[in-house]
Amino acid sequence: MNRENSIKRAGIFGIAGNLFLLIIKGTVGFITHSQAMIADAANSAGDIFASLMTFIGNKIASVPQDADHNFGHGKAEYIFSLFISLSMIGISLKLLYDSLISLIYGLKFEFSWFLVIVCIATIIVKLCLYFYTKILAHKFDSILLEANKEDHRNDCIITTFTLISILLGLLKIYWFDGIVGIGISAWICITGVKIFIESYNILIDTSIDSTTQDIILNLAQKYTNIKKIDNISSSPVGYKYVVFITICVDGNMSTFDSHKLADNLEKDICGLDKVYKAIVHVNPI
């Protein structure tokens, strides 16, 4: 299965799973007035948006290069990751406000075993989505899948605390429901900020990681005709990078031989997983 289809399928599964959870959480949450469950339902609504952004972002990012986009459309993946992060932050602030109101005014919810059943169903569904997305994120190195994986994992933890707050309702301990709502909102906000920072760093053209730079240096140093490496720079295009490297060769080397050397080095560098394209500039010394 290729990268595009895998991410698309993960997005579809995410939308279907979260839509199911939104319906059952929202219904039971509003009937019982559980702030923690309502917060969990709102989180599922955000998850649907995240999965939708994954689907659309992957579709745009997979469009090949054209006359107007010489390096393809890969950065769309990070633009849509920004949308996901902003939605998570927005939802978290609303949940924080509602949970604080619930805690301050001592609002109570009506205990129901349906709340427990919904929590268990949520944990099972989210664990399945988490492990499925984790495998794909590791395989394809996609920030969209990474964002979804983090979201599914967070949901398992969030719903576990929701379950605890509901069970405490049996003991008439209602204040913990508001505390869990606050905790959920904080967790969502922190995750959203992390995704925002990672996406922002790519969009402002952060350089390729130092480990890959060292590998590129080692590849260049294997060529005995390269006397000196003047500069290595890079620019991200989606989840890969365009690498620019300036090498120095003997000034007496023929133009044909120096270009052949540059072509061979470009092929070696392009063989790296994180490299989309390599451009080698030759200077005589």
C-alpha atoms as a PDB file:
ATOM      1  CA  MET A   1       0.000   0.000   0.000  1.00  0.00           C
ATOM      2  CA  ASN A   2       1.482   3.390  -0.984  1.00  0.00           C
ATOM      3  CA  ARG A   3       1.802   6.475   1.195  1.00  0.00           C
ATOM      4  CA  GLU A   4      -1.134   8.401  -0.266  1.00  0.00           C
ATOM      5  CA  ASN A   5      -3.641   5.555   0.002  1.00  0.00           C
ATOM      6  CA  SER A   6      -2.484   4.637   3.513  1.00  0.00           C
ATOM      7  CA  ILE A   7      -2.961   8.182   4.826  1.00  0.00           C
ATOM      8  CA  LYS A   8      -6.296   8.442   3.023  1.00  0.00           C
ATOM      9  CA  ARG A   9      -7.510   5.212   4.613  1.00  0.00           C
ATOM     10  CA  ALA A  10      -6.359   6.355   8.058  1.00  0.00           C
ATOM     11  CA  GLY A  11      -8.343   9.567   7.581  1.00  0.00           C
ATOM     12  CA  ILE A  12     -11.490   7.673   6.568  1.00  0.00           C
ATOM     13  CA  PHE A  13     -11.212   5.272   9.521  1.00  0.00           C
ATOM     14  CA  GLY A  14     -10.675   8.236  11.839  1.00  0.00           C
ATOM     15  CA  ILE A  15     -13.760  10.055  10.565  1.00  0.00           C
ATOM     16  CA  ALA A  16     -15.962   6.944  10.842  1.00  0.00           C
ATOM     17  CA  GLY A  17     -14.735   6.002  14.325  1.00  0.00           C
ATOM     18  CA  ASN A  18     -14.959   9.520  15.746  1.00  0.00           C
ATOM     19  CA  LEU A  19     -18.404  10.155  14.236  1.00  0.00           C
ATOM     20  CA  PHE A  20     -19.689   7.048  16.016  1.00  0.00           C
ATOM     21  CA  LEU A  21     -18.094   8.173  19.300  1.00  0.00           C
ATOM     22  CA  LEU A  22     -19.386  11.743  18.945  1.00  0.00           C
ATOM     23  CA  ILE A  23     -22.975  10.531  18.615  1.00  0.00           C
ATOM     24  CA  ILE A  24     -22.927   8.196  21.631  1.00  0.00           C
ATOM     25  CA  LYS A  25     -20.861  10.528  23.835  1.00  0.00           C
ATOM     26  CA  GLY A  26     -22.917  13.605  22.996  1.00  0.00           C
ATOM     27  CA  THR A  27     -26.236  11.816  23.525  1.00  0.00           C
ATOM     28  CA  VAL A  28     -25.316  10.256  26.876  1.00  0.00           C
ATOM     29  CA  GLY A  29     -23.335  13.314  28.037  1.00  0.00           C
ATOM     30  CA  PHE A  30     -26.179  15.797  27.566  1.00  0.00           C
ATOM     31  CA  ILE A  31     -28.776  13.416  29.020  1.00  0.00           C
ATOM     32  CA  THR A  32     -26.742  12.888  32.215  1.00  0.00           C
ATOM     33  CA  HIS A  33     -25.225  16.417  32.329  1.00  0.00           C
ATOM     34  CA  SER A  34     -21.717  14.991  32.760  1.00  0.00           C
ATOM     35  CA  GLN A  35     -19.236  17.788  32.007  1.00  0.00           C
ATOM     36  CA  ALA A  36     -16.413  15.288  31.531  1.00  0.00           C
ATOM     37  CA  MET A  37     -18.439  13.315  28.967  1.00  0.00           C
ATOM     38  CA  ILE A  38     -19.552  16.491  27.166  1.00  0.00           C
ATOM     39  CA  ALA A  39     -15.890  17.560  27.024  1.00  0.00           C
ATOM     40  CA  ASP A  40     -15.023  14.124  25.656  1.00  0.00           C
ATOM     41  CA  ALA A  41     -17.754  14.497  23.014  1.00  0.00           C
ATOM     42  CA  ALA A  42     -16.389  17.900  21.989  1.00  0.00           C
ATOM     43  CA  ASN A  43     -12.968  16.305  21.720  1.00  0.00           C
ATOM     44  CA  SER A  44     -14.431  13.714  19.319  1.00  0.00           C
ATOM     45  CA  ALA A  45     -15.882  16.547  17.229  1.00  0.00           C
ATOM     46  CA  GLY A  46     -12.375  17.987  17.027  1.00  0.00           C
ATOM     47  CA  ASP A  47     -11.079  14.558  16.062  1.00  0.00           C
ATOM     48  CA  ILE A  48     -13.503  14.421  13.132  1.00  0.00           C
ATOM     49  CA  PHE A  49     -12.152  17.756  11.945  1.00  0.00           C
ATOM     50  CA  ALA A  50      -8.566  16.466  12.369  1.00  0.00           C
ATOM     51  CA  SER A  51      -9.323  13.324  10.352  1.00  0.00           C
ATOM     52  CA  LEU A  52     -11.014  15.412   7.655  1.00  0.00           C
ATOM     53  CA  MET A  53      -7.971  17.699   7.485  1.00  0.00           C
ATOM     54  CA  THR A  54      -5.760  14.610   7.211  1.00  0.00           C
ATOM     55  CA  PHE A  55      -7.807  13.350   4.271  1.00  0.00           C
ATOM     56  CA  ILE A  56      -7.844  16.695   2.409  1.00  0.00           C
ATOM     57  CA  GLY A  57      -4.243  17.612   3.269  1.00  0.00           C
ATOM     58  CA  ASN A  58      -2.939  14.265   2.039  1.00  0.00           C
ATOM     59  CA  LYS A  59      -4.910  14.586  -1.197  1.00  0.00           C
ATOM     60  CA  ILE A  60      -3.388  18.007  -1.957  1.00  0.00           C
ATOM     61  CA  ALA A  61       0.124  17.077  -0.772  1.00  0.00           C
ATOM     62  CA  SER A  62       0.209  14.030  -3.056  1.00  0.00           C
ATOM     63  CA  VAL A  63      -0.348  16.110  -6.224  1.00  0.00           C
ATOM     64  CA  PRO A  64       2.893  15.887  -8.268  1.00  0.00           C
ATOM     65  CA  GLN A  65       5.016  18.877  -9.294  1.00  0.00           C
ATOM     66  CA  ASP A  66       3.820  21.126 -12.089  1.00  0.00           C
ATOM     67  CA  ALA A  67       4.851  24.355 -13.822  1.00  0.00           C
ATOM     68  CA  ASP A  68       3.636  26.489 -10.903  1.00  0.00           C
ATOM     69  CA  HIS A  69       4.893  24.190  -8.124  1.00  0.00           C
ATOM     70  CA  ASN A  70       8.313  22.910  -9.127  1.00  0.00           C
ATOM     71  CA  PHE A  71       8.794  20.923  -5.921  1.00  0.00           C
ATOM     72  CA  GLY A  72       5.277  19.544  -5.672  1.00  0.00           C
ATOM     73  CA  HIS A  73       2.586  20.331  -3.096  1.00  0.00           C
ATOM     74  CA  GLY A  74       4.086  18.591  -0.055  1.00  0.00           C
ATOM     75  CA  LYS A  75       3.857  21.580   2.279  1.00  0.00           C
ATOM     76  CA  ALA A  76       0.055  21.297   2.177  1.00  0.00           C
ATOM     77  CA  GLU A  77       0.523  18.502   4.723  1.00  0.00           C
ATOM     78  CA  TYR A  78       1.924  20.999   7.227  1.00  0.00           C
ATOM     79  CA  ILE A  79      -0.631  23.704   6.442  1.00  0.00           C
ATOM     80  CA  PHE A  80      -3.441  21.297   7.278  1.00  0.00           C
ATOM     81  CA  SER A  81      -1.577  20.165  10.388  1.00  0.00           C
ATOM     82  CA  LEU A  82      -1.689  23.814  11.472  1.00  0.00           C
ATOM     83  CA  PHE A  83      -5.477  23.769  10.990  1.00  0.00           C
ATOM     84  CA  ILE A  84      -5.666  20.668  13.205  1.00  0.00           C
ATOM     85  CA  SER A  85      -3.552  22.291  15.927  1.00  0.00           C
ATOM     86  CA  LEU A  86      -5.577  25.531  15.906  1.00  0.00           C
ATOM     87  CA  SER A  87      -8.857  23.617  16.154  1.00  0.00           C
ATOM     88  CA  MET A  88      -7.499  21.643  19.116  1.00  0.00           C
ATOM     89  CA  ILE A  89      -6.429  24.830  20.898  1.00  0.00           C
ATOM     90  CA  GLY A  90      -9.804  26.495  20.236  1.00  0.00           C
ATOM     91  CA  ILE A  91     -11.770  23.497  21.516  1.00  0.00           C
ATOM     92  CA  SER A  92      -9.567  23.257  24.622  1.00  0.00           C
ATOM     93  CA  LEU A  93     -10.252  26.881  25.606  1.00  0.00           C
ATOM     94  CA  LYS A  94     -14.028  26.388  25.318  1.00  0.00           C
ATOM     95  CA  LEU A  95     -13.855  23.175  27.371  1.00  0.00           C
ATOM     96  CA  LEU A  96     -11.720  24.925  29.991  1.00  0.00           C
ATOM     97  CA  TYR A  97     -14.350  27.661  30.405  1.00  0.00           C
ATOM     98  CA  ASP A  98     -17.246  25.174  30.689  1.00  0.00           C
ATOM     99  CA  SER A  99     -15.374  22.965  33.160  1.00  0.00           C
ATOM    100  CA  LEU A 100     -14.445  25.920  35.371  1.00  0.00           C
ATOM    101  CA  ILE A 101     -18.086  27.003  35.470  1.00  0.00           C
ATOM    102  CA  SER A 102     -19.097  23.445  36.408  1.00  0.00           C
ATOM    103  CA  LEU A 103     -16.510  23.310  39.196  1.00  0.00           C
ATOM    104  CA  ILE A 104     -17.208  26.789  40.582  1.00  0.00           C
ATOM    105  CA  TYR A 105     -20.998  26.312  40.743  1.00  0.00           C
ATOM    106  CA  GLY A 106     -20.801  22.671  41.865  1.00  0.00           C
ATOM    107  CA  LEU A 107     -22.894  21.315  39.001  1.00  0.00           C
ATOM    108  CA  LYS A 108     -23.842  17.635  39.313  1.00  0.00           C
ATOM    109  CA  PHE A 109     -24.444  14.927  36.755  1.00  0.00           C
ATOM    110  CA  GLU A 110     -26.778  11.937  36.796  1.00  0.00           C
ATOM    111  CA  PHE A 111     -24.876   8.648  37.081  1.00  0.00           C
ATOM    112  CA  SER A 112     -25.739   6.076  34.436  1.00  0.00           C
ATOM    113  CA  TRP A 113     -24.133   2.774  33.472  1.00  0.00           C
ATOM    114  CA  PHE A 114     -24.471   3.961  29.879  1.00  0.00           C
ATOM    115  CA  LEU A 115     -21.713   6.477  30.708  1.00  0.00           C
ATOM    116  CA  VAL A 116     -19.443   3.596  31.728  1.00  0.00           C
ATOM    117  CA  ILE A 117     -20.288   1.589  28.600  1.00  0.00           C
ATOM    118  CA  VAL A 118     -19.571   4.602  26.352  1.00  0.00           C
ATOM    119  CA  CYS A 119     -16.186   5.128  28.018  1.00  0.00           C
ATOM    120  CA  ILE A 120     -15.175   1.497  27.542  1.00  0.00           C
ATOM    121  CA  ALA A 121     -16.324   1.536  23.905  1.00  0.00           C
ATOM    122  CA  THR A 122     -14.349   4.743  23.320  1.00  0.00           C
ATOM    123  CA  ILE A 123     -11.152   3.297  24.785  1.00  0.00           C
ATOM    124  CA  ILE A 124     -11.424   0.161  22.623  1.00  0.00           C
ATOM    125  CA  VAL A 125     -12.096   2.097  19.399  1.00  0.00           C
ATOM    126  CA  LYS A 126      -9.345   4.618  20.084  1.00  0.00           C
ATOM    127  CA  LEU A 127      -6.771   1.957  20.966  1.00  0.00           C
ATOM    128  CA  CYS A 128      -7.436   0.232  17.640  1.00  0.00           C
ATOM    129  CA  LEU A 129      -7.103   3.539  15.745  1.00  0.00           C
ATOM    130  CA  TYR A 130      -3.959   4.444  17.709  1.00  0.00           C
ATOM    131  CA  PHE A 131      -2.050   1.245  16.904  1.00  0.00           C
ATOM    132  CA  TYR A 132      -3.159   1.310  13.271  1.00  0.00           C
ATOM    133  CA  THR A 133      -2.082   4.951  12.821  1.00  0.00           C
ATOM    134  CA  LYS A 134       1.156   4.422  14.780  1.00  0.00           C
ATOM    135  CA  ILE A 135       2.293   1.739  12.336  1.00  0.00           C
ATOM    136  CA  LEU A 136       1.538   3.967   9.337  1.00  0.00           C
ATOM    137  CA  ALA A 137       3.114   7.099  10.894  1.00  0.00           C
ATOM    138  CA  HIS A 138       6.352   5.213  11.540  1.00  0.00           C
ATOM    139  CA  LYS A 139       6.350   3.687   8.056  1.00  0.00           C
ATOM    140  CA  PHE A 140       5.644   6.864   6.071  1.00  0.00           C
ATOM    141  CA  ASP A 141       7.050   9.601   8.371  1.00  0.00           C
ATOM    142  CA  SER A 142       3.898  11.741   7.998  1.00  0.00           C
ATOM    143  CA  ILE A 143       3.178  14.660  10.336  1.00  0.00           C
ATOM    144  CA  LEU A 144      -0.536  14.290   9.535  1.00  0.00           C
ATOM    145  CA  LEU A 145      -0.502  10.672  10.705  1.00  0.00           C
ATOM    146  CA  GLU A 146       1.689  11.632  13.661  1.00  0.00           C
ATOM    147  CA  ALA A 147      -0.868  14.285  14.679  1.00  0.00           C
ATOM    148  CA  ASN A 148      -3.688  11.746  14.398  1.00  0.00           C
ATOM    149  CA  LYS A 149      -1.714   9.117  16.319  1.00  0.00           C
ATOM    150  CA  GLU A 150      -1.112  11.563  19.175  1.00  0.00           C
ATOM    151  CA  ASP A 151      -4.784  12.474  19.137  1.00  0.00           C
ATOM    152  CA  HIS A 152      -5.942   8.840  19.370  1.00  0.00           C
ATOM    153  CA  ARG A 153      -3.518   8.159  22.236  1.00  0.00           C
ATOM    154  CA  ASN A 154      -4.633  11.274  24.087  1.00  0.00           C
ATOM    155  CA  ASP A 155      -8.251  10.208  23.730  1.00  0.00           C
ATOM    156  CA  CYS A 156      -7.541   6.871  25.438  1.00  0.00           C
ATOM    157  CA  ILE A 157      -5.989   8.679  28.415  1.00  0.00           C
ATOM    158  CA  ILE A 158      -8.688  11.358  28.471  1.00  0.00           C
ATOM    159  CA  THR A 159     -11.523   8.829  28.431  1.00  0.00           C
ATOM    160  CA  THR A 160      -9.868   6.804  31.199  1.00  0.00           C
ATOM    161  CA  PHE A 161     -10.040   9.870  33.457  1.00  0.00           C
ATOM    162  CA  THR A 162     -13.617  10.472  32.297  1.00  0.00           C
ATOM    163  CA  LEU A 163     -14.444   6.923  33.373  1.00  0.00           C
ATOM    164  CA  ILE A 164     -12.854   7.518  36.788  1.00  0.00           C
ATOM    165  CA  SER A 165     -14.872  10.706  37.307  1.00  0.00           C
ATOM    166  CA  ILE A 166     -18.082   8.888  36.359  1.00  0.00           C
ATOM    167  CA  LEU A 167     -17.400   5.997  38.755  1.00  0.00           C
ATOM    168  CA  LEU A 168     -16.721   8.527  41.527  1.00  0.00           C
ATOM    169  CA  GLY A 169     -20.250   9.763  40.877  1.00  0.00           C
ATOM    170  CA  LEU A 170     -21.437   6.548  42.524  1.00  0.00           C
ATOM    171  CA  LEU A 171     -19.814   7.873  45.708  1.00  0.00           C
ATOM    172  CA  LYS A 172     -21.451  11.295  45.228  1.00  0.00           C
ATOM    173  CA  ILE A 173     -18.052  12.841  44.429  1.00  0.00           C
ATOM    174  CA  TYR A 174     -19.117  15.220  41.664  1.00  0.00           C
ATOM    175  CA  TRP A 175     -16.351  17.842  41.818  1.00  0.00           C
ATOM    176  CA  PHE A 176     -13.873  15.473  40.156  1.00  0.00           C
ATOM    177  CA  ASP A 177     -16.011  15.655  36.995  1.00  0.00           C
ATOM    178  CA  GLY A 178     -15.110  19.332  36.609  1.00  0.00           C
ATOM    179  CA  ILE A 179     -11.449  18.632  37.408  1.00  0.00           C
ATOM    180  CA  VAL A 180     -11.313  16.004  34.648  1.00  0.00           C
ATOM    181  CA  GLY A 181     -12.900  18.476  32.228  1.00  0.00           C
ATOM    182  CA  ILE A 182     -10.143  20.988  33.059  1.00  0.00           C
ATOM    183  CA  GLY A 183      -7.471  18.297  32.678  1.00  0.00           C
ATOM    184  CA  ILE A 184      -8.852  17.226  29.301  1.00  0.00           C
ATOM    185  CA  SER A 185      -8.856  20.801  28.017  1.00  0.00           C
ATOM    186  CA  ALA A 186      -5.251  21.340  29.173  1.00  0.00           C
ATOM    187  CA  TRP A 187      -4.103  18.114  27.523  1.00  0.00           C
ATOM    188  CA  ILE A 188      -5.763  18.996  24.229  1.00  0.00           C
ATOM    189  CA  CYS A 189      -4.224  22.486  24.312  1.00  0.00           C
ATOM    190  CA  ILE A 190      -0.679  21.225  24.978  1.00  0.00           C
ATOM    191  CA  THR A 191      -0.916  18.672  22.158  1.00  0.00           C
ATOM    192  CA  GLY A 192      -2.261  21.330  19.793  1.00  0.00           C
ATOM    193  CA  VAL A 193       0.614  23.691  20.637  1.00  0.00           C
ATOM    194  CA  LYS A 194       3.199  20.948  19.981  1.00  0.00           C
ATOM    195  CA  ILE A 195       1.716  20.151  16.558  1.00  0.00           C
ATOM    196  CA  PHE A 196       1.543  23.870  15.755  1.00  0.00           C
ATOM    197  CA  ILE A 197       5.239  24.383  16.572  1.00  0.00           C
ATOM    198  CA  GLU A 198       6.340  21.392  14.492  1.00  0.00           C
ATOM    199  CA  SER A 199       4.255  22.475  11.483  1.00  0.00           C
ATOM    200  CA  TYR A 200       5.358  26.100  11.820  1.00  0.00           C
ATOM    201  CA  ASN A 201       9.032  25.120  11.862  1.00  0.00           C
ATOM    202  CA  ILE A 202       8.657  23.287   8.551  1.00  0.00           C
ATOM    203  CA  LEU A 203       6.693  26.107   6.914  1.00  0.00           C
ATOM    204  CA  ILE A 204       9.412  28.649   7.763  1.00  0.00           C
ATOM    205  CA  ASP A 205      11.954  26.416   6.003  1.00  0.00           C
ATOM    206  CA  THR A 206      13.789  24.787   8.882  1.00  0.00           C
ATOM    207  CA  SER A 207      16.892  22.824   7.822  1.00  0.00           C
ATOM    208  CA  ILE A 208      17.216  19.070   7.502  1.00  0.00           C
ATOM    209  CA  ASP A 209      18.318  17.312  10.709  1.00  0.00           C
ATOM    210  CA  SER A 210      21.999  17.185  11.632  1.00  0.00           C
ATOM    211  CA  THR A 211      22.162  13.385  11.357  1.00  0.00           C
ATOM    212  CA  THR A 212      21.117  13.480   7.706  1.00  0.00           C
ATOM    213  CA  GLN A 213      23.526  16.351   7.076  1.00  0.00           C
ATOM    214  CA  ASP A 214      26.370  14.210   8.424  1.00  0.00           C
ATOM    215  CA  ILE A 215      25.338  11.349   6.139  1.00  0.00           C
ATOM    216  CA  ILE A 216      25.409  13.719   3.152  1.00  0.00           C
ATOM    217  CA  LEU A 217      28.887  14.940   4.168  1.00  0.00           C
ATOM    218  CA  ASN A 218      30.121  11.363   4.403  1.00  0.00           C
ATOM    219  CA  LEU A 219      28.723  10.598   0.943  1.00  0.00           C
ATOM    220  CA  ALA A 220      30.541  13.612  -0.535  1.00  0.00           C
ATOM    221  CA  GLN A 221      33.826  12.826   1.224  1.00  0.00           C
ATOM    222  CA  LYS A 222      33.943   9.394  -0.410  1.00  0.00           C
ATOM    223  CA  TYR A 223      34.708  11.114  -3.716  1.00  0.00           C
ATOM    224  CA  THR A 224      38.477  11.699  -3.823  1.00  0.00           C
ATOM    225  CA  ASN A 225      38.093  14.363  -6.539  1.00  0.00           C
ATOM    226  CA  ILE A 226      36.134  16.585  -4.167  1.00  0.00           C
ATOM    227  CA  LYS A 227      38.753  18.771  -2.523  1.00  0.00           C
ATOM    228  CA  LYS A 228      36.454  20.781  -0.305  1.00  0.00           C
ATOM    229  CA  ILE A 229      32.788  21.118   0.655  1.00  0.00           C
ATOM    230  CA  ASP A 230      31.869  24.787   0.858  1.00  0.00           C
ATOM    231  CA  ASN A 231      28.239  24.648   1.955  1.00  0.00           C
ATOM    232  CA  ILE A 232      25.244  22.417   2.619  1.00  0.00           C
ATOM    233  CA  SER A 233      21.778  23.928   2.885  1.00  0.00           C
ATOM    234  CA  SER A 234      18.263  22.562   2.577  1.00  0.00           C
ATOM    235  CA  SER A 235      14.629  23.539   2.233  1.00  0.00           C
ATOM    236  CA  PRO A 236      11.624  21.405   3.186  1.00  0.00           C
ATOM    237  CA  VAL A 237       9.039  20.351   0.601  1.00  0.00           C
ATOM    238  CA  GLY A 238       6.431  18.390   2.494  1.00  0.00           C
ATOM    239  CA  TYR A 239       7.992  15.593   4.512  1.00  0.00           C
ATOM    240  CA  LYS A 240      11.194  15.642   2.396  1.00  0.00           C
ATOM    241  CA  TYR A 241      13.890  18.205   1.633  1.00  0.00           C
ATOM    242  CA  VAL A 242      15.646  19.792  -1.322  1.00  0.00           C
ATOM    243  CA  VAL A 243      19.377  19.725  -0.547  1.00  0.00           C
ATOM    244  CA  PHE A 244      21.842  22.237  -1.986  1.00  0.00           C
ATOM    245  CA  ILE A 245      25.553  21.439  -1.729  1.00  0.00           C
ATOM    246  CA  THR A 246      28.565  23.331  -3.068  1.00  0.00           C
ATOM    247  CA  ILE A 247      31.730  21.322  -3.747  1.00  0.00           C
ATOM    248  CA  CYS A 248      35.221  22.353  -4.880  1.00  0.00           C
ATOM    249  CA  VAL A 249      37.246  20.365  -7.407  1.00  0.00           C
ATOM    250  CA  ASP A 250      40.612  20.774  -9.138  1.00  0.00           C
ATOM    251  CA  GLY A 251      40.413  23.716 -11.528  1.00  0.00           C
ATOM    252  CA  ASN A 252      42.086  21.592 -14.224  1.00  0.00           C
ATOM    253  CA  MET A 253      39.283  19.019 -14.216  1.00  0.00           C
ATOM    254  CA  SER A 254      37.278  19.067 -17.440  1.00  0.00           C
ATOM    255  CA  THR A 255      33.746  20.434 -17.401  1.00  0.00           C
ATOM    256  CA  PHE A 256      32.436  17.025 -18.480  1.00  0.00           C
ATOM    257  CA  ASP A 257      34.147  15.197 -15.604  1.00  0.00           C
ATOM    258  CA  SER A 258      33.095  17.763 -12.986  1.00  0.00           C
ATOM    259  CA  HIS A 259      29.461  17.565 -14.141  1.00  0.00           C
ATOM    260  CA  LYS A 260      29.585  13.770 -14.105  1.00  0.00           C
ATOM    261  CA  LEU A 261      30.922  13.914 -10.549  1.00  0.00           C
ATOM    262  CA  ALA A 262      28.091  16.271  -9.519  1.00  0.00           C
ATOM    263  CA  ASP A 263      25.477  14.001 -11.165  1.00  0.00           C
ATOM    264  CA  ASN A 264      26.765  10.941  -9.313  1.00  0.00           C
ATOM    265  CA  LEU A 265      26.763  12.779  -5.981  1.00  0.00           C
ATOM    266  CA  GLU A 266      23.210  14.008  -6.602  1.00  0.00           C
ATOM    267  CA  LYS A 267      22.064  10.421  -7.229  1.00  0.00           C
ATOM    268  CA  ASP A 268      23.696   9.265  -3.984  1.00  0.00           C
ATOM    269  CA  ILE A 269      22.066  12.036  -1.951  1.00  0.00           C
ATOM    270  CA  CYS A 270      18.648  11.460  -3.573  1.00  0.00           C
ATOM    271  CA  GLY A 271      18.829   7.871  -2.363  1.00  0.00           C
ATOM    272  CA  LEU A 272      18.271   9.076   1.210  1.00  0.00           C
ATOM    273  CA  ASP A 273      14.722   8.759   2.560  1.00  0.00           C
ATOM    274  CA  LYS A 274      14.405  12.411   3.582  1.00  0.00           C
ATOM    275  CA  VAL A 275      15.731  13.892   0.334  1.00  0.00           C
ATOM    276  CA  TYR A 276      13.322  14.939  -2.428  1.00  0.00           C
ATOM    277  CA  LYS A 277      15.946  16.476  -4.718  1.00  0.00           C
ATOM    278  CA  ALA A 278      19.681  17.256  -4.578  1.00  0.00           C
ATOM    279  CA  ILE A 279      21.354  20.154  -6.383  1.00  0.00           C
ATOM    280  CA  VAL A 280      25.165  20.134  -6.505  1.00  0.00           C
ATOM    281  CA  HIS A 281      27.100  23.276  -7.478  1.00  0.00           C
ATOM    282  CA  VAL A 282      30.725  22.866  -8.549  1.00  0.00           C
ATOM    283  CA  ASN A 283      33.476  25.452  -7.915  1.00  0.00           C
ATOM    284  CA  PRO A 284      37.020  25.109  -9.305  1.00  0.00           C
ATOM    285  CA  ILE A 285      40.039  25.651  -7.032  1.00  0.00           C
END
